[in-house]
C-alpha atoms as a PDB file:
ATOM      1  CA  MET A   1      33.388 -62.209  88.508  1.00  0.00           C
ATOM      2  CA  ARG A   2      30.748 -64.793  87.841  1.00  0.00           C
ATOM      3  CA  THR A   3      29.996 -66.071  84.373  1.00  0.00           C
ATOM      4  CA  ARG A   4      26.673 -67.714  83.681  1.00  0.00           C
ATOM      5  CA  SER A   5      24.994 -68.979  80.544  1.00  0.00           C
ATOM      6  CA  PHE A   6      21.326 -68.292  79.989  1.00  0.00           C
ATOM      7  CA  PRO A   7      19.169 -70.031  77.402  1.00  0.00           C
ATOM      8  CA  ILE A   8      17.479 -67.412  75.250  1.00  0.00           C
ATOM      9  CA  LEU A   9      14.643 -67.958  72.797  1.00  0.00           C
ATOM     10  CA  LEU A  10      15.019 -65.656  69.808  1.00  0.00           C
ATOM     11  CA  ALA A  11      12.354 -65.119  67.191  1.00  0.00           C
ATOM     12  CA  ALA A  12      14.004 -64.836  63.785  1.00  0.00           C
ATOM     13  CA  SER A  13      11.529 -64.227  60.960  1.00  0.00           C
ATOM     14  CA  ALA A  14       9.011 -67.088  61.063  1.00  0.00           C
ATOM     15  CA  ALA A  15      11.226 -69.564  62.944  1.00  0.00           C
ATOM     16  CA  ALA A  16      12.188 -69.545  66.599  1.00  0.00           C
ATOM     17  CA  VAL A  17      15.870 -70.081  67.429  1.00  0.00           C
ATOM     18  CA  ASP A  18      17.062 -71.496  70.762  1.00  0.00           C
ATOM     19  CA  THR A  19      20.533 -70.274  71.685  1.00  0.00           C
ATOM     20  CA  ASN A  20      22.734 -69.556  74.698  1.00  0.00           C
ATOM     21  CA  ILE A  21      24.410 -66.296  75.583  1.00  0.00           C
ATOM     22  CA  THR A  22      27.106 -65.773  78.194  1.00  0.00           C
ATOM     23  CA  LEU A  23      26.901 -62.873  80.632  1.00  0.00           C
ATOM     24  CA  THR A  24      29.699 -61.823  82.925  1.00  0.00           C
ATOM     25  CA  VAL A  25      28.353 -60.309  86.137  1.00  0.00           C
ATOM     26  CA  PRO A  26      30.830 -58.527  88.439  1.00  0.00           C
ATOM     27  CA  ASN A  27      30.809 -59.395  92.148  1.00  0.00           C
ATOM     28  CA  ALA A  28      30.971 -55.708  93.104  1.00  0.00           C
ATOM     29  CA  GLN A  29      29.396 -52.545  91.746  1.00  0.00           C
ATOM     30  CA  PRO A  30      31.555 -50.956  89.013  1.00  0.00           C
ATOM     31  CA  SER A  31      33.127 -47.590  89.878  1.00  0.00           C
ATOM     32  CA  PHE A  32      31.146 -45.858  87.112  1.00  0.00           C
ATOM     33  CA  ALA A  33      27.753 -47.121  88.383  1.00  0.00           C
ATOM     34  CA  GLN A  34      25.210 -44.510  89.436  1.00  0.00           C
ATOM     35  CA  PRO A  35      22.738 -44.948  92.302  1.00  0.00           C
ATOM     36  CA  LEU A  36      19.165 -45.783  91.372  1.00  0.00           C
ATOM     37  CA  SER A  37      16.669 -42.947  91.538  1.00  0.00           C
ATOM     38  CA  SER A  38      14.501 -43.070  94.662  1.00  0.00           C
ATOM     39  CA  THR A  39      11.509 -42.549  92.371  1.00  0.00           C
ATOM     40  CA  LEU A  40      12.487 -45.321  89.958  1.00  0.00           C
ATOM     41  CA  ALA A  41       9.173 -47.177  90.223  1.00  0.00           C
ATOM     42  CA  GLY A  42       5.591 -46.299  91.006  1.00  0.00           C
ATOM     43  CA  PHE A  43       2.406 -48.304  90.640  1.00  0.00           C
ATOM     44  CA  SER A  44      -1.158 -47.380  89.799  1.00  0.00           C
ATOM     45  CA  ILE A  45      -3.468 -50.259  90.685  1.00  0.00           C
ATOM     46  CA  GLU A  46      -7.079 -50.562  89.602  1.00  0.00           C
ATOM     47  CA  MET A  47      -9.438 -50.720  92.587  1.00  0.00           C
ATOM     48  CA  ASP A  48     -10.948 -54.037  91.483  1.00  0.00           C
ATOM     49  CA  ARG A  49      -7.447 -55.603  91.423  1.00  0.00           C
ATOM     50  CA  TRP A  50      -6.342 -54.175  94.781  1.00  0.00           C
ATOM     51  CA  PRO A  51      -7.118 -57.387  96.752  1.00  0.00           C
ATOM     52  CA  ASP A  52      -4.885 -59.345  94.344  1.00  0.00           C
ATOM     53  CA  TRP A  53      -1.971 -56.996  95.004  1.00  0.00           C
ATOM     54  CA  ALA A  54      -2.506 -56.351  98.712  1.00  0.00           C
ATOM     55  CA  GLY A  55      -3.799 -59.759  99.777  1.00  0.00           C
ATOM     56  CA  GLN A  56      -7.247 -61.282  99.848  1.00  0.00           C
ATOM     57  CA  ASN A  57      -7.634 -61.206 103.639  1.00  0.00           C
ATOM     58  CA  ILE A  58      -6.784 -58.668 106.324  1.00  0.00           C
ATOM     59  CA  GLY A  59      -3.608 -59.784 108.061  1.00  0.00           C
ATOM     60  CA  SER A  60      -2.569 -62.010 105.136  1.00  0.00           C
ATOM     61  CA  PRO A  61      -0.640 -59.791 102.724  1.00  0.00           C
ATOM     62  CA  ASN A  62       0.458 -60.895  99.275  1.00  0.00           C
ATOM     63  CA  LYS A  63       3.978 -62.116 100.137  1.00  0.00           C
ATOM     64  CA  PHE A  64       5.255 -61.927  96.555  1.00  0.00           C
ATOM     65  CA  VAL A  65       4.202 -58.288  96.126  1.00  0.00           C
ATOM     66  CA  ASN A  66       5.617 -57.387  99.542  1.00  0.00           C
ATOM     67  CA  GLN A  67       8.967 -58.948  98.575  1.00  0.00           C
ATOM     68  CA  VAL A  68       9.044 -57.054  95.267  1.00  0.00           C
ATOM     69  CA  LEU A  69       8.345 -53.773  97.088  1.00  0.00           C
ATOM     70  CA  THR A  70      11.042 -54.605  99.672  1.00  0.00           C
ATOM     71  CA  ASN A  71      13.543 -55.364  96.891  1.00  0.00           C
ATOM     72  CA  LEU A  72      12.763 -52.059  95.156  1.00  0.00           C
ATOM     73  CA  ALA A  73      13.146 -50.184  98.445  1.00  0.00           C
ATOM     74  CA  GLY A  74      16.491 -51.882  99.025  1.00  0.00           C
ATOM     75  CA  GLY A  75      17.795 -50.728  95.645  1.00  0.00           C
ATOM     76  CA  THR A  76      16.391 -47.193  95.712  1.00  0.00           C
ATOM     77  CA  GLY A  77      16.374 -46.304  99.402  1.00  0.00           C
ATOM     78  CA  ARG A  78      12.590 -46.012  99.669  1.00  0.00           C
ATOM     79  CA  PRO A  79       9.515 -48.037  98.742  1.00  0.00           C
ATOM     80  CA  PRO A  80       7.748 -47.150  95.482  1.00  0.00           C
ATOM     81  CA  SER A  81       4.694 -44.934  95.379  1.00  0.00           C
ATOM     82  CA  ILE A  82       1.388 -46.761  95.080  1.00  0.00           C
ATOM     83  CA  ARG A  83      -1.814 -45.140  93.856  1.00  0.00           C
ATOM     84  CA  VAL A  84      -4.997 -47.172  94.174  1.00  0.00           C
ATOM     85  CA  GLY A  85      -7.724 -46.233  91.716  1.00  0.00           C
ATOM     86  CA  GLY A  86      -6.246 -46.451  88.245  1.00  0.00           C
ATOM     87  CA  GLU A  87      -8.578 -45.304  85.500  1.00  0.00           C
ATOM     88  CA  PHE A  88     -11.271 -47.980  85.676  1.00  0.00           C
ATOM     89  CA  ASN A  89     -13.842 -45.973  87.599  1.00  0.00           C
ATOM     90  CA  SER A  90     -14.422 -42.327  88.246  1.00  0.00           C
ATOM     91  CA  VAL A  91     -15.980 -43.160  91.647  1.00  0.00           C
ATOM     92  CA  GLU A  92     -14.774 -45.752  94.141  1.00  0.00           C
ATOM     93  CA  MET A  93     -16.722 -47.165  97.082  1.00  0.00           C
ATOM     94  CA  TYR A  94     -14.755 -48.476 100.070  1.00  0.00           C
ATOM     95  CA  ASN A  95     -16.124 -51.410 102.040  1.00  0.00           C
ATOM     96  CA  VAL A  96     -14.037 -52.444 105.036  1.00  0.00           C
ATOM     97  CA  PHE A  97     -15.582 -55.951 104.912  1.00  0.00           C
ATOM     98  CA  LEU A  98     -14.237 -56.789 101.439  1.00  0.00           C
END
């Protein structure tokens, strides 16, 4: 097992308190652990924010978002569902040049 200390900032009434807590993290999955649901996460992304999530240029994806999606797929067995559109507009216009 690994033991690590993490600094935690706690807000107590009007004053902030800086403290450390110690977490013990097992090296292996406990026998009572359950697998993650394959539908654990899903994303709904507003159309006007899509380039931020997908990447600003064709062929240059957002590496951070791709890594997050890969990590989720690794833990659940499949990538999360993504719905582009959100609730910002009732009509979307697609322009391949944007």
